[in-house]
Structure formats: structure tokens, C-alpha cells
Amino acid sequence: MPIEEDILIFDLDGTLFDSAPQIITCFKKAIKKNNIEIQKEISELIIGPPIKDTLEILIQSKDHDKIDLIINDFIELYDHKYCYETKLYDDVKETLEKLYKKKKMILITNKRLSPTSKMLKNADILKFFDNYFSVDQNDPTIKNKTLLISNTIKSLGIKSDSAMYIGDTNGDHVASKKNNIKFAYASWGYGKCDDHPDYYLDNITELI
């Protein structure tokens, strides 16, 4: 089925980048440094939510007062080393280059702005995006992906019927539906889609 929408909004982790190996390594190192036992396996299934949300699931409630310490250690590791080691999925760069000639492209992610910028520049794909935005839990207008998509659509004057979000999780699907935009499920990512997406992608090249 041809993609008719003129504006493509992309997720980052699990959609463009195979981020799991580096994120998992940083979580393990930061948690170990603070001598904390985890209550859930650290696997690619944790990829997607903001760091704090993930840690509240991973560690026991008695250690939640150490979450800020773990976050600081995670950021130190990830932003200065591991984000630069993160690789694009196959065919991503070539696909974005072709889409860039025909579509307006935006990136909206739960990942913090600093590593997002570094990864886009390091992979040489920043030039393909008109804008990129990150969730900020300290800003009530963009504290989750649903609000950030809404804010972006309104601020850029985007009509909902002209836009589509491409992501790899059920949360991405929900955020899209709440904003009345179509959703393309990136099946190669880390999450799942419980409902029927508008598009089911086996490979990113299907967007061309």
C-alpha cells in the first residue's frame, strides 16, 4: 500500500537505531555501581520509555530513592561514550535519503535531547529531518509522547490527516491514535502492537 501522508514522524530507538545493546549495558553498569538488585530482567523489552520510568520498573521500591543517582551515572556513560556506538538498522540511511526528496520528516522520541542530537549527527542523518523533539518530563506540555505529538502538530500547523507516526511499540500506536494520525508499526523493533496499525512494516524500505 503506498504511503499517502506527506509528513512522516519517526520514533528513534527500535525504529531507526538498534539502540538496545548500548542502553542495556549502561543500565547494568549504572545499577551495579550503586549496588542495587534488580527485580526484572534487563532486556530489549525495556527500551522505549524515559529512563526514570524504566528504573521504577527495574528496581525494587526500597531503592527508588537512588534512582536519581543511577540516572546520573547512566547519563555519564551513555552521553559520553555509548550513544556514539549505536548503529542504524540496515537500509535506514538510504531510505531516509530517498524519502527526504518527497516527504517532510520529523523525529519525536522519549530519548533525551542531548544523545538524540549526538546520534543523529554521528549517523549523518540529521540533515534529513526538518525538526526533532524529545519528551521532557519537567515540561507539562511535552511530558509524554502523546502530548509532544499534539504540541508539535499544533505548533507546526500540521493537519492530522497529512501525518503519520512510525514507531515500534504499543505506546507509539496509542499516542498516534490519540492525536488522530495514522500509525506505521516498525515490526523490527523492540515492542509490540496490540491493536491493528494502519501500516505494518517488515522493513523500513516499504515506506518508499
N, C-alpha and C. Protein backbone atom coordinates (compact mmCIF):
# COMPACT_ATOMS: atom_id res chain seq x y z
N MET A 1 0.85 -1.19 0.00
CA MET A 1 0.00 0.00 0.00
C MET A 1 0.89 1.25 0.00
N PRO A 2 0.67 2.16 -0.94
CA PRO A 2 1.51 3.37 -0.98
C PRO A 2 1.24 4.28 0.21
N ILE A 3 2.30 4.93 0.68
CA ILE A 3 2.20 5.86 1.79
C ILE A 3 1.75 7.21 1.26
N GLU A 4 0.55 7.63 1.60
CA GLU A 4 -0.01 8.86 1.05
C GLU A 4 0.29 10.08 1.90
N GLU A 5 0.59 9.89 3.18
CA GLU A 5 0.80 11.02 4.07
C GLU A 5 2.07 11.80 3.67
N ASP A 6 1.99 13.13 3.74
CA ASP A 6 3.11 13.98 3.33
C ASP A 6 4.12 14.20 4.44
N ILE A 7 3.70 14.01 5.70
CA ILE A 7 4.57 14.26 6.84
C ILE A 7 4.78 12.96 7.61
N LEU A 8 6.02 12.53 7.68
CA LEU A 8 6.36 11.30 8.39
C LEU A 8 7.08 11.66 9.68
N ILE A 9 6.53 11.17 10.80
CA ILE A 9 7.11 11.44 12.11
C ILE A 9 7.70 10.13 12.64
N PHE A 10 8.99 10.14 12.91
CA PHE A 10 9.69 8.92 13.29
C PHE A 10 9.99 8.85 14.78
N ASP A 11 9.90 7.65 15.32
CA ASP A 11 10.48 7.30 16.61
C ASP A 11 11.97 7.08 16.37
N LEU A 12 12.76 6.96 17.45
CA LEU A 12 14.20 6.80 17.31
C LEU A 12 14.66 5.37 17.66
N ASP A 13 14.63 5.04 18.95
CA ASP A 13 15.11 3.72 19.40
C ASP A 13 14.17 2.62 18.94
N GLY A 14 14.73 1.59 18.30
CA GLY A 14 13.91 0.48 17.85
C GLY A 14 13.21 0.73 16.53
N THR A 15 13.39 1.93 15.98
CA THR A 15 12.79 2.26 14.70
C THR A 15 13.87 2.65 13.69
N LEU A 16 14.71 3.59 14.08
CA LEU A 16 15.84 3.98 13.23
C LEU A 16 17.15 3.36 13.73
N PHE A 17 17.32 3.35 15.05
CA PHE A 17 18.55 2.84 15.65
C PHE A 17 18.31 1.54 16.42
N ASP A 18 19.25 0.62 16.30
CA ASP A 18 19.25 -0.59 17.12
C ASP A 18 19.97 -0.24 18.42
N SER A 19 19.26 0.43 19.31
CA SER A 19 19.86 1.06 20.49
C SER A 19 20.01 0.13 21.69
N ALA A 20 19.36 -1.01 21.65
CA ALA A 20 19.27 -1.86 22.85
C ALA A 20 20.62 -2.26 23.45
N PRO A 21 21.59 -2.72 22.66
CA PRO A 21 22.84 -3.18 23.28
C PRO A 21 23.51 -2.13 24.15
N GLN A 22 23.59 -0.90 23.67
CA GLN A 22 24.26 0.16 24.43
C GLN A 22 23.43 0.62 25.63
N ILE A 23 22.12 0.71 25.47
CA ILE A 23 21.26 1.12 26.57
C ILE A 23 21.29 0.09 27.69
N ILE A 24 21.20 -1.18 27.33
CA ILE A 24 21.24 -2.25 28.32
C ILE A 24 22.56 -2.24 29.08
N THR A 25 23.66 -2.08 28.36
CA THR A 25 24.97 -2.02 29.00
C THR A 25 25.05 -0.89 30.02
N CYS A 26 24.54 0.27 29.65
CA CYS A 26 24.59 1.43 30.56
C CYS A 26 23.71 1.23 31.78
N PHE A 27 22.53 0.64 31.60
CA PHE A 27 21.67 0.36 32.74
C PHE A 27 22.37 -0.60 33.71
N LYS A 28 22.95 -1.66 33.18
CA LYS A 28 23.61 -2.65 34.03
C LYS A 28 24.77 -2.04 34.79
N LYS A 29 25.58 -1.24 34.10
CA LYS A 29 26.75 -0.63 34.75
C LYS A 29 26.33 0.38 35.82
N ALA A 30 25.31 1.20 35.52
CA ALA A 30 24.87 2.22 36.47
C ALA A 30 24.22 1.60 37.70
N ILE A 31 23.45 0.54 37.49
CA ILE A 31 22.80 -0.15 38.61
C ILE A 31 23.83 -0.87 39.48
N LYS A 32 24.78 -1.53 38.81
CA LYS A 32 25.83 -2.24 39.56
C LYS A 32 26.68 -1.27 40.38
N LYS A 33 26.98 -0.11 39.81
CA LYS A 33 27.79 0.88 40.51
C LYS A 33 27.15 1.30 41.83
N ASN A 34 25.81 1.29 41.86
CA ASN A 34 25.09 1.73 43.05
C ASN A 34 24.65 0.56 43.93
N ASN A 35 25.19 -0.64 43.63
CA ASN A 35 24.96 -1.84 44.47
C ASN A 35 23.47 -2.12 44.69
N ILE A 36 22.73 -2.13 43.59
CA ILE A 36 21.28 -2.34 43.68
C ILE A 36 20.90 -3.63 42.97
N GLU A 37 19.99 -4.38 43.58
CA GLU A 37 19.46 -5.59 42.96
C GLU A 37 18.25 -5.23 42.12
N ILE A 38 18.15 -5.85 40.95
CA ILE A 38 17.00 -5.57 40.08
C ILE A 38 15.92 -6.62 40.31
N GLN A 39 14.67 -6.24 39.97
CA GLN A 39 13.56 -7.16 40.15
C GLN A 39 12.97 -7.60 38.82
N LYS A 40 13.59 -7.15 37.73
CA LYS A 40 13.13 -7.54 36.41
C LYS A 40 14.33 -7.64 35.49
N GLU A 41 14.29 -8.59 34.58
CA GLU A 41 15.40 -8.78 33.66
C GLU A 41 15.61 -7.55 32.79
N ILE A 42 16.86 -7.20 32.59
CA ILE A 42 17.18 -6.08 31.70
C ILE A 42 17.36 -6.63 30.29
N SER A 43 16.37 -6.43 29.45
CA SER A 43 16.41 -6.92 28.08
C SER A 43 15.91 -5.82 27.16
N GLU A 44 15.86 -6.11 25.88
CA GLU A 44 15.42 -5.10 24.92
C GLU A 44 13.96 -4.71 25.13
N LEU A 45 13.21 -5.47 25.90
CA LEU A 45 11.81 -5.14 26.16
C LEU A 45 11.66 -3.87 27.00
N ILE A 46 12.74 -3.44 27.66
CA ILE A 46 12.66 -2.23 28.48
C ILE A 46 12.86 -0.96 27.66
N ILE A 47 13.28 -1.11 26.40
CA ILE A 47 13.62 0.05 25.58
C ILE A 47 12.35 0.79 25.17
N GLY A 48 12.39 2.11 25.31
CA GLY A 48 11.25 2.91 24.86
C GLY A 48 10.89 4.04 25.81
N PRO A 49 10.50 3.71 27.06
CA PRO A 49 10.11 4.77 28.00
C PRO A 49 11.29 5.63 28.43
N PRO A 50 11.03 6.79 29.04
CA PRO A 50 12.11 7.60 29.63
C PRO A 50 12.87 6.80 30.70
N ILE A 51 14.10 7.21 30.97
CA ILE A 51 14.98 6.48 31.90
C ILE A 51 14.32 6.27 33.26
N LYS A 52 13.73 7.32 33.83
CA LYS A 52 13.16 7.22 35.17
C LYS A 52 12.04 6.20 35.21
N ASP A 53 11.18 6.21 34.20
CA ASP A 53 10.08 5.25 34.15
C ASP A 53 10.60 3.81 34.11
N THR A 54 11.67 3.61 33.34
CA THR A 54 12.25 2.28 33.22
C THR A 54 12.83 1.82 34.55
N LEU A 55 13.54 2.70 35.23
CA LEU A 55 14.16 2.33 36.51
C LEU A 55 13.13 2.03 37.58
N GLU A 56 12.01 2.71 37.55
CA GLU A 56 10.95 2.45 38.54
C GLU A 56 10.39 1.04 38.38
N ILE A 57 10.53 0.48 37.18
CA ILE A 57 10.10 -0.89 36.93
C ILE A 57 11.20 -1.89 37.28
N LEU A 58 12.44 -1.51 36.96
CA LEU A 58 13.56 -2.43 37.12
C LEU A 58 13.95 -2.69 38.56
N ILE A 59 13.94 -1.64 39.39
CA ILE A 59 14.48 -1.80 40.74
C ILE A 59 13.38 -1.84 41.79
N GLN A 60 13.69 -2.40 42.92
CA GLN A 60 12.72 -2.54 43.99
C GLN A 60 12.36 -1.18 44.59
N SER A 61 11.15 -1.10 45.11
CA SER A 61 10.66 0.18 45.64
C SER A 61 11.54 0.71 46.77
N LYS A 62 12.18 -0.19 47.54
CA LYS A 62 13.02 0.26 48.64
C LYS A 62 14.26 1.02 48.15
N ASP A 63 14.60 0.86 46.86
CA ASP A 63 15.77 1.53 46.30
C ASP A 63 15.41 2.71 45.41
N HIS A 64 14.15 3.09 45.38
CA HIS A 64 13.73 4.17 44.49
C HIS A 64 14.35 5.52 44.85
N ASP A 65 14.83 5.64 46.09
CA ASP A 65 15.47 6.89 46.47
C ASP A 65 16.85 7.04 45.82
N LYS A 66 17.32 5.97 45.17
CA LYS A 66 18.62 6.02 44.48
C LYS A 66 18.47 6.21 42.97
N ILE A 67 17.25 6.38 42.52
CA ILE A 67 17.02 6.48 41.08
C ILE A 67 17.78 7.65 40.46
N ASP A 68 17.78 8.79 41.13
CA ASP A 68 18.48 9.96 40.57
C ASP A 68 19.98 9.69 40.43
N LEU A 69 20.56 8.97 41.38
CA LEU A 69 21.98 8.62 41.30
C LEU A 69 22.24 7.71 40.10
N ILE A 70 21.37 6.74 39.91
CA ILE A 70 21.52 5.82 38.78
C ILE A 70 21.38 6.57 37.46
N ILE A 71 20.42 7.48 37.40
CA ILE A 71 20.21 8.26 36.17
C ILE A 71 21.47 9.06 35.84
N ASN A 72 22.05 9.70 36.84
CA ASN A 72 23.27 10.49 36.61
C ASN A 72 24.41 9.61 36.09
N ASP A 73 24.55 8.42 36.65
CA ASP A 73 25.60 7.51 36.20
C ASP A 73 25.32 6.99 34.79
N PHE A 74 24.05 6.72 34.52
CA PHE A 74 23.65 6.28 33.18
C PHE A 74 23.99 7.35 32.15
N ILE A 75 23.60 8.58 32.43
CA ILE A 75 23.83 9.69 31.51
C ILE A 75 25.33 9.89 31.25
N GLU A 76 26.11 9.80 32.29
CA GLU A 76 27.56 9.97 32.14
C GLU A 76 28.13 8.93 31.18
N LEU A 77 27.70 7.69 31.32
CA LEU A 77 28.17 6.62 30.45
C LEU A 77 27.63 6.76 29.03
N TYR A 78 26.34 6.96 28.93
CA TYR A 78 25.68 6.91 27.63
C TYR A 78 26.03 8.12 26.76
N ASP A 79 25.96 9.31 27.34
CA ASP A 79 26.14 10.52 26.55
C ASP A 79 27.57 10.74 26.10
N HIS A 80 28.54 10.19 26.85
CA HIS A 80 29.94 10.44 26.52
C HIS A 80 30.60 9.30 25.76
N LYS A 81 29.94 8.15 25.72
CA LYS A 81 30.54 7.02 25.00
C LYS A 81 29.54 6.19 24.21
N TYR A 82 28.59 5.60 24.91
CA TYR A 82 27.80 4.54 24.30
C TYR A 82 26.81 5.01 23.22
N CYS A 83 26.32 6.23 23.30
CA CYS A 83 25.40 6.69 22.27
C CYS A 83 26.10 6.77 20.91
N TYR A 84 27.42 7.03 20.93
CA TYR A 84 28.19 7.12 19.69
C TYR A 84 28.41 5.74 19.06
N GLU A 85 28.24 4.69 19.85
CA GLU A 85 28.46 3.33 19.35
C GLU A 85 27.17 2.72 18.78
N THR A 86 26.08 3.41 18.91
CA THR A 86 24.78 2.89 18.48
C THR A 86 24.66 2.95 16.96
N LYS A 87 24.20 1.85 16.36
CA LYS A 87 24.14 1.73 14.91
C LYS A 87 22.72 1.87 14.38
N LEU A 88 22.62 2.38 13.18
CA LEU A 88 21.35 2.40 12.46
C LEU A 88 20.98 0.98 12.03
N TYR A 89 19.69 0.71 11.92
CA TYR A 89 19.25 -0.53 11.30
C TYR A 89 19.64 -0.50 9.82
N ASP A 90 19.71 -1.69 9.22
CA ASP A 90 20.00 -1.78 7.79
C ASP A 90 18.97 -0.99 6.99
N ASP A 91 19.43 -0.32 5.96
CA ASP A 91 18.60 0.39 4.97
C ASP A 91 18.00 1.70 5.48
N VAL A 92 18.25 2.07 6.74
CA VAL A 92 17.65 3.29 7.27
C VAL A 92 18.15 4.53 6.55
N LYS A 93 19.45 4.69 6.47
CA LYS A 93 20.01 5.91 5.88
C LYS A 93 19.59 6.05 4.42
N GLU A 94 19.67 4.97 3.68
CA GLU A 94 19.30 5.01 2.26
C GLU A 94 17.81 5.33 2.08
N THR A 95 16.99 4.79 2.95
CA THR A 95 15.55 5.05 2.88
C THR A 95 15.23 6.50 3.21
N LEU A 96 15.83 7.02 4.28
CA LEU A 96 15.59 8.41 4.64
C LEU A 96 16.04 9.36 3.54
N GLU A 97 17.13 9.03 2.90
CA GLU A 97 17.63 9.89 1.82
C GLU A 97 16.64 9.97 0.66
N LYS A 98 16.00 8.85 0.36
CA LYS A 98 15.00 8.83 -0.71
C LYS A 98 13.71 9.52 -0.29
N LEU A 99 13.28 9.28 0.96
CA LEU A 99 12.06 9.92 1.46
C LEU A 99 12.22 11.43 1.56
N TYR A 100 13.41 11.85 1.89
CA TYR A 100 13.73 13.28 2.06
C TYR A 100 13.37 14.10 0.82
N LYS A 101 13.43 13.47 -0.33
CA LYS A 101 13.15 14.16 -1.59
C LYS A 101 11.65 14.32 -1.83
N LYS A 102 10.83 13.57 -1.07
CA LYS A 102 9.39 13.56 -1.33
C LYS A 102 8.52 13.93 -0.13
N LYS A 103 9.06 13.76 1.07
CA LYS A 103 8.26 13.94 2.27
C LYS A 103 8.92 14.94 3.23
N LYS A 104 8.10 15.51 4.11
CA LYS A 104 8.60 16.28 5.25
C LYS A 104 8.78 15.30 6.39
N MET A 105 9.95 15.30 7.03
CA MET A 105 10.21 14.32 8.08
C MET A 105 10.58 15.00 9.39
N ILE A 106 9.98 14.47 10.47
CA ILE A 106 10.18 14.98 11.83
C ILE A 106 10.51 13.78 12.71
N LEU A 107 11.24 14.01 13.77
CA LEU A 107 11.54 12.94 14.73
C LEU A 107 11.01 13.33 16.11
N ILE A 108 10.28 12.41 16.74
CA ILE A 108 9.76 12.61 18.09
C ILE A 108 10.11 11.38 18.93
N THR A 109 10.82 11.59 20.03
CA THR A 109 11.33 10.46 20.81
C THR A 109 11.25 10.70 22.31
N ASN A 110 11.21 9.60 23.06
CA ASN A 110 11.31 9.67 24.52
C ASN A 110 12.75 9.90 24.98
N LYS A 111 13.70 9.66 24.09
CA LYS A 111 15.11 9.83 24.46
C LYS A 111 15.41 11.29 24.72
N ARG A 112 16.32 11.55 25.64
CA ARG A 112 16.69 12.92 25.94
C ARG A 112 17.29 13.61 24.71
N LEU A 113 17.21 14.94 24.70
CA LEU A 113 17.60 15.71 23.53
C LEU A 113 19.09 15.59 23.22
N SER A 114 19.94 15.59 24.25
CA SER A 114 21.38 15.58 24.02
C SER A 114 21.86 14.34 23.27
N PRO A 115 21.57 13.11 23.76
CA PRO A 115 22.02 11.94 23.00
C PRO A 115 21.31 11.80 21.66
N THR A 116 20.07 12.26 21.58
CA THR A 116 19.35 12.23 20.30
C THR A 116 20.11 13.02 19.26
N SER A 117 20.50 14.24 19.61
CA SER A 117 21.25 15.09 18.69
C SER A 117 22.58 14.46 18.30
N LYS A 118 23.28 13.89 19.28
CA LYS A 118 24.58 13.28 19.02
C LYS A 118 24.45 12.08 18.08
N MET A 119 23.42 11.26 18.29
CA MET A 119 23.23 10.08 17.46
C MET A 119 22.86 10.45 16.02
N LEU A 120 21.98 11.43 15.88
CA LEU A 120 21.57 11.85 14.54
C LEU A 120 22.76 12.42 13.76
N LYS A 121 23.58 13.21 14.44
CA LYS A 121 24.75 13.79 13.78
C LYS A 121 25.80 12.73 13.48
N ASN A 122 26.05 11.84 14.43
CA ASN A 122 27.07 10.82 14.26
C ASN A 122 26.73 9.86 13.11
N ALA A 123 25.44 9.58 12.94
CA ALA A 123 24.99 8.68 11.87
C ALA A 123 24.78 9.42 10.55
N ASP A 124 24.97 10.73 10.57
CA ASP A 124 24.82 11.57 9.39
C ASP A 124 23.41 11.51 8.79
N ILE A 125 22.40 11.53 9.67
CA ILE A 125 21.02 11.57 9.18
C ILE A 125 20.24 12.79 9.67
N LEU A 126 20.89 13.63 10.46
CA LEU A 126 20.21 14.83 10.95
C LEU A 126 19.71 15.69 9.80
N LYS A 127 20.45 15.72 8.71
CA LYS A 127 20.12 16.57 7.55
C LYS A 127 18.80 16.19 6.89
N PHE A 128 18.29 15.00 7.18
CA PHE A 128 17.04 14.57 6.55
C PHE A 128 15.79 15.03 7.30
N PHE A 129 15.96 15.55 8.52
CA PHE A 129 14.81 15.91 9.35
C PHE A 129 14.62 17.42 9.41
N ASP A 130 13.37 17.83 9.24
CA ASP A 130 13.04 19.26 9.36
C ASP A 130 13.12 19.71 10.81
N ASN A 131 12.71 18.84 11.72
CA ASN A 131 12.75 19.14 13.16
C ASN A 131 12.92 17.83 13.93
N TYR A 132 13.42 17.94 15.16
CA TYR A 132 13.42 16.78 16.04
C TYR A 132 13.13 17.25 17.46
N PHE A 133 12.34 16.46 18.19
CA PHE A 133 11.85 16.85 19.50
C PHE A 133 11.94 15.69 20.48
N SER A 134 12.17 16.01 21.74
CA SER A 134 12.26 15.00 22.79
C SER A 134 11.27 15.28 23.91
N VAL A 135 10.76 14.21 24.49
CA VAL A 135 9.91 14.31 25.68
C VAL A 135 10.72 14.92 26.82
N ASP A 136 10.08 15.81 27.58
CA ASP A 136 10.73 16.42 28.75
C ASP A 136 9.76 16.31 29.92
N GLN A 137 10.08 15.44 30.86
CA GLN A 137 9.17 15.20 31.98
C GLN A 137 9.06 16.39 32.92
N ASN A 138 9.94 17.37 32.76
CA ASN A 138 9.86 18.59 33.57
C ASN A 138 8.99 19.66 32.93
N ASP A 139 8.56 19.40 31.70
CA ASP A 139 7.69 20.33 30.99
C ASP A 139 6.32 19.69 30.83
N PRO A 140 5.30 20.19 31.51
CA PRO A 140 3.98 19.55 31.48
C PRO A 140 3.33 19.50 30.10
N THR A 141 3.78 20.36 29.18
CA THR A 141 3.17 20.38 27.84
C THR A 141 3.75 19.30 26.93
N ILE A 142 4.92 18.73 27.30
CA ILE A 142 5.55 17.70 26.46
C ILE A 142 6.13 16.58 27.32
N LYS A 143 5.45 16.22 28.39
CA LYS A 143 5.98 15.25 29.35
C LYS A 143 5.80 13.79 28.91
N ASN A 144 5.05 13.56 27.85
CA ASN A 144 4.96 12.22 27.28
C ASN A 144 4.76 12.36 25.77
N LYS A 145 4.84 11.24 25.08
CA LYS A 145 4.84 11.28 23.62
C LYS A 145 3.50 11.75 23.05
N THR A 146 2.41 11.41 23.70
CA THR A 146 1.10 11.88 23.23
C THR A 146 1.03 13.40 23.24
N LEU A 147 1.47 14.00 24.33
CA LEU A 147 1.45 15.46 24.43
C LEU A 147 2.46 16.11 23.48
N LEU A 148 3.61 15.47 23.30
CA LEU A 148 4.63 16.03 22.43
C LEU A 148 4.16 16.01 20.97
N ILE A 149 3.52 14.93 20.55
CA ILE A 149 2.97 14.88 19.19
C ILE A 149 1.92 15.96 19.02
N SER A 150 1.03 16.07 20.01
CA SER A 150 -0.02 17.10 19.96
C SER A 150 0.57 18.49 19.86
N ASN A 151 1.55 18.78 20.72
CA ASN A 151 2.20 20.08 20.74
C ASN A 151 2.88 20.37 19.40
N THR A 152 3.53 19.35 18.84
CA THR A 152 4.25 19.52 17.57
C THR A 152 3.28 19.80 16.43
N ILE A 153 2.21 19.04 16.37
CA ILE A 153 1.22 19.22 15.31
C ILE A 153 0.64 20.64 15.35
N LYS A 154 0.31 21.08 16.56
CA LYS A 154 -0.28 22.41 16.70
C LYS A 154 0.72 23.51 16.37
N SER A 155 1.93 23.40 16.92
CA SER A 155 2.91 24.47 16.74
C SER A 155 3.39 24.59 15.29
N LEU A 156 3.41 23.46 14.57
CA LEU A 156 3.86 23.49 13.17
C LEU A 156 2.71 23.60 12.18
N GLY A 157 1.49 23.67 12.70
CA GLY A 157 0.32 23.80 11.82
C GLY A 157 0.09 22.59 10.93
N ILE A 158 0.34 21.40 11.47
CA ILE A 158 0.20 20.17 10.70
C ILE A 158 -1.24 19.66 10.80
N LYS A 159 -1.82 19.30 9.68
CA LYS A 159 -3.15 18.70 9.67
C LYS A 159 -3.00 17.21 9.97
N SER A 160 -3.85 16.71 10.86
CA SER A 160 -3.72 15.33 11.32
C SER A 160 -3.84 14.32 10.18
N ASP A 161 -4.63 14.62 9.16
CA ASP A 161 -4.80 13.66 8.08
C ASP A 161 -3.62 13.64 7.10
N SER A 162 -2.65 14.52 7.33
CA SER A 162 -1.49 14.55 6.43
C SER A 162 -0.25 13.95 7.09
N ALA A 163 -0.39 13.46 8.34
CA ALA A 163 0.78 12.99 9.09
C ALA A 163 0.64 11.53 9.50
N MET A 164 1.79 10.89 9.69
CA MET A 164 1.82 9.51 10.15
C MET A 164 3.03 9.33 11.07
N TYR A 165 2.84 8.55 12.14
CA TYR A 165 3.94 8.25 13.06
C TYR A 165 4.44 6.85 12.79
N ILE A 166 5.76 6.69 12.77
CA ILE A 166 6.38 5.38 12.57
C ILE A 166 7.12 5.00 13.85
N GLY A 167 6.67 3.94 14.51
CA GLY A 167 7.28 3.53 15.78
C GLY A 167 7.15 2.04 15.99
N ASP A 168 7.76 1.56 17.08
CA ASP A 168 7.86 0.11 17.29
C ASP A 168 7.14 -0.39 18.53
N THR A 169 6.36 0.45 19.20
CA THR A 169 5.72 0.00 20.44
C THR A 169 4.22 0.30 20.44
N ASN A 170 3.53 -0.39 21.33
CA ASN A 170 2.11 -0.13 21.50
C ASN A 170 1.88 1.31 21.98
N GLY A 171 2.80 1.81 22.81
CA GLY A 171 2.68 3.19 23.27
C GLY A 171 2.74 4.18 22.12
N ASP A 172 3.56 3.89 21.11
CA ASP A 172 3.62 4.74 19.93
C ASP A 172 2.29 4.73 19.19
N HIS A 173 1.68 3.55 19.13
CA HIS A 173 0.39 3.42 18.46
C HIS A 173 -0.68 4.23 19.20
N VAL A 174 -0.71 4.08 20.51
CA VAL A 174 -1.69 4.80 21.33
C VAL A 174 -1.52 6.32 21.18
N ALA A 175 -0.27 6.78 21.21
CA ALA A 175 -0.01 8.22 21.07
C ALA A 175 -0.48 8.73 19.71
N SER A 176 -0.31 7.91 18.70
CA SER A 176 -0.75 8.29 17.35
C SER A 176 -2.27 8.39 17.29
N LYS A 177 -2.95 7.37 17.80
CA LYS A 177 -4.40 7.35 17.75
C LYS A 177 -5.01 8.51 18.55
N LYS A 178 -4.42 8.84 19.68
CA LYS A 178 -4.94 9.95 20.49
C LYS A 178 -4.81 11.28 19.78
N ASN A 179 -3.91 11.34 18.81
CA ASN A 179 -3.72 12.56 18.04
C ASN A 179 -4.33 12.47 16.64
N ASN A 180 -5.08 11.39 16.41
CA ASN A 180 -5.80 11.21 15.14
C ASN A 180 -4.88 11.22 13.92
N ILE A 181 -3.67 10.64 14.10
CA ILE A 181 -2.79 10.48 12.95
C ILE A 181 -2.56 8.98 12.73
N LYS A 182 -2.24 8.62 11.51
CA LYS A 182 -2.03 7.21 11.21
C LYS A 182 -0.74 6.70 11.85
N PHE A 183 -0.68 5.38 12.00
CA PHE A 183 0.47 4.76 12.64
C PHE A 183 1.00 3.62 11.78
N ALA A 184 2.33 3.62 11.58
CA ALA A 184 3.00 2.53 10.90
C ALA A 184 3.86 1.79 11.92
N TYR A 185 3.62 0.51 12.06
CA TYR A 185 4.32 -0.30 13.06
C TYR A 185 5.62 -0.85 12.49
N ALA A 186 6.73 -0.47 13.11
CA ALA A 186 8.06 -0.95 12.73
C ALA A 186 8.30 -2.29 13.42
N SER A 187 8.00 -3.38 12.74
CA SER A 187 7.99 -4.70 13.38
C SER A 187 9.38 -5.20 13.73
N TRP A 188 10.43 -4.56 13.24
CA TRP A 188 11.80 -4.99 13.54
C TRP A 188 12.30 -4.46 14.89
N GLY A 189 11.51 -3.65 15.55
CA GLY A 189 11.93 -3.01 16.78
C GLY A 189 11.75 -3.87 18.02
N TYR A 190 11.60 -3.21 19.17
CA TYR A 190 11.64 -3.91 20.46
C TYR A 190 10.27 -4.18 21.07
N GLY A 191 9.27 -3.47 20.61
CA GLY A 191 7.97 -3.56 21.24
C GLY A 191 7.00 -4.42 20.47
N LYS A 192 5.73 -4.21 20.77
CA LYS A 192 4.66 -4.92 20.08
C LYS A 192 3.52 -3.96 19.84
N CYS A 193 2.61 -4.36 18.99
CA CYS A 193 1.44 -3.54 18.70
C CYS A 193 0.20 -4.40 18.91
N ASP A 194 -0.53 -4.14 19.99
CA ASP A 194 -1.66 -4.99 20.36
C ASP A 194 -2.86 -4.83 19.42
N ASP A 195 -3.00 -3.63 18.89
CA ASP A 195 -4.12 -3.34 18.01
C ASP A 195 -3.65 -3.39 16.56
N HIS A 196 -4.56 -3.14 15.64
CA HIS A 196 -4.21 -3.18 14.22
C HIS A 196 -3.67 -1.82 13.79
N PRO A 197 -2.38 -1.75 13.39
CA PRO A 197 -1.84 -0.48 12.90
C PRO A 197 -2.37 -0.17 11.51
N ASP A 198 -2.23 1.07 11.10
CA ASP A 198 -2.65 1.44 9.75
C ASP A 198 -1.73 0.82 8.71
N TYR A 199 -0.45 0.71 9.07
CA TYR A 199 0.52 0.07 8.20
C TYR A 199 1.38 -0.87 9.05
N TYR A 200 1.66 -2.05 8.54
CA TYR A 200 2.55 -3.00 9.21
C TYR A 200 3.79 -3.11 8.33
N LEU A 201 4.93 -2.68 8.87
CA LEU A 201 6.16 -2.67 8.08
C LEU A 201 7.08 -3.81 8.48
N ASP A 202 7.49 -4.61 7.51
CA ASP A 202 8.50 -5.64 7.75
C ASP A 202 9.90 -5.08 7.58
N ASN A 203 10.00 -4.00 6.80
CA ASN A 203 11.28 -3.38 6.53
C ASN A 203 11.06 -1.90 6.27
N ILE A 204 11.98 -1.05 6.69
CA ILE A 204 11.79 0.38 6.54
C ILE A 204 11.71 0.81 5.08
N THR A 205 12.27 0.01 4.18
CA THR A 205 12.22 0.36 2.76
C THR A 205 10.80 0.38 2.21
N GLU A 206 9.87 -0.24 2.93
CA GLU A 206 8.47 -0.24 2.48
C GLU A 206 7.83 1.14 2.54
N LEU A 207 8.49 2.08 3.21
CA LEU A 207 7.98 3.45 3.24
C LEU A 207 8.21 4.19 1.92
N ILE A 208 9.13 3.68 1.13
CA ILE A 208 9.44 4.35 -0.13
C ILE A 208 8.32 4.13 -1.14
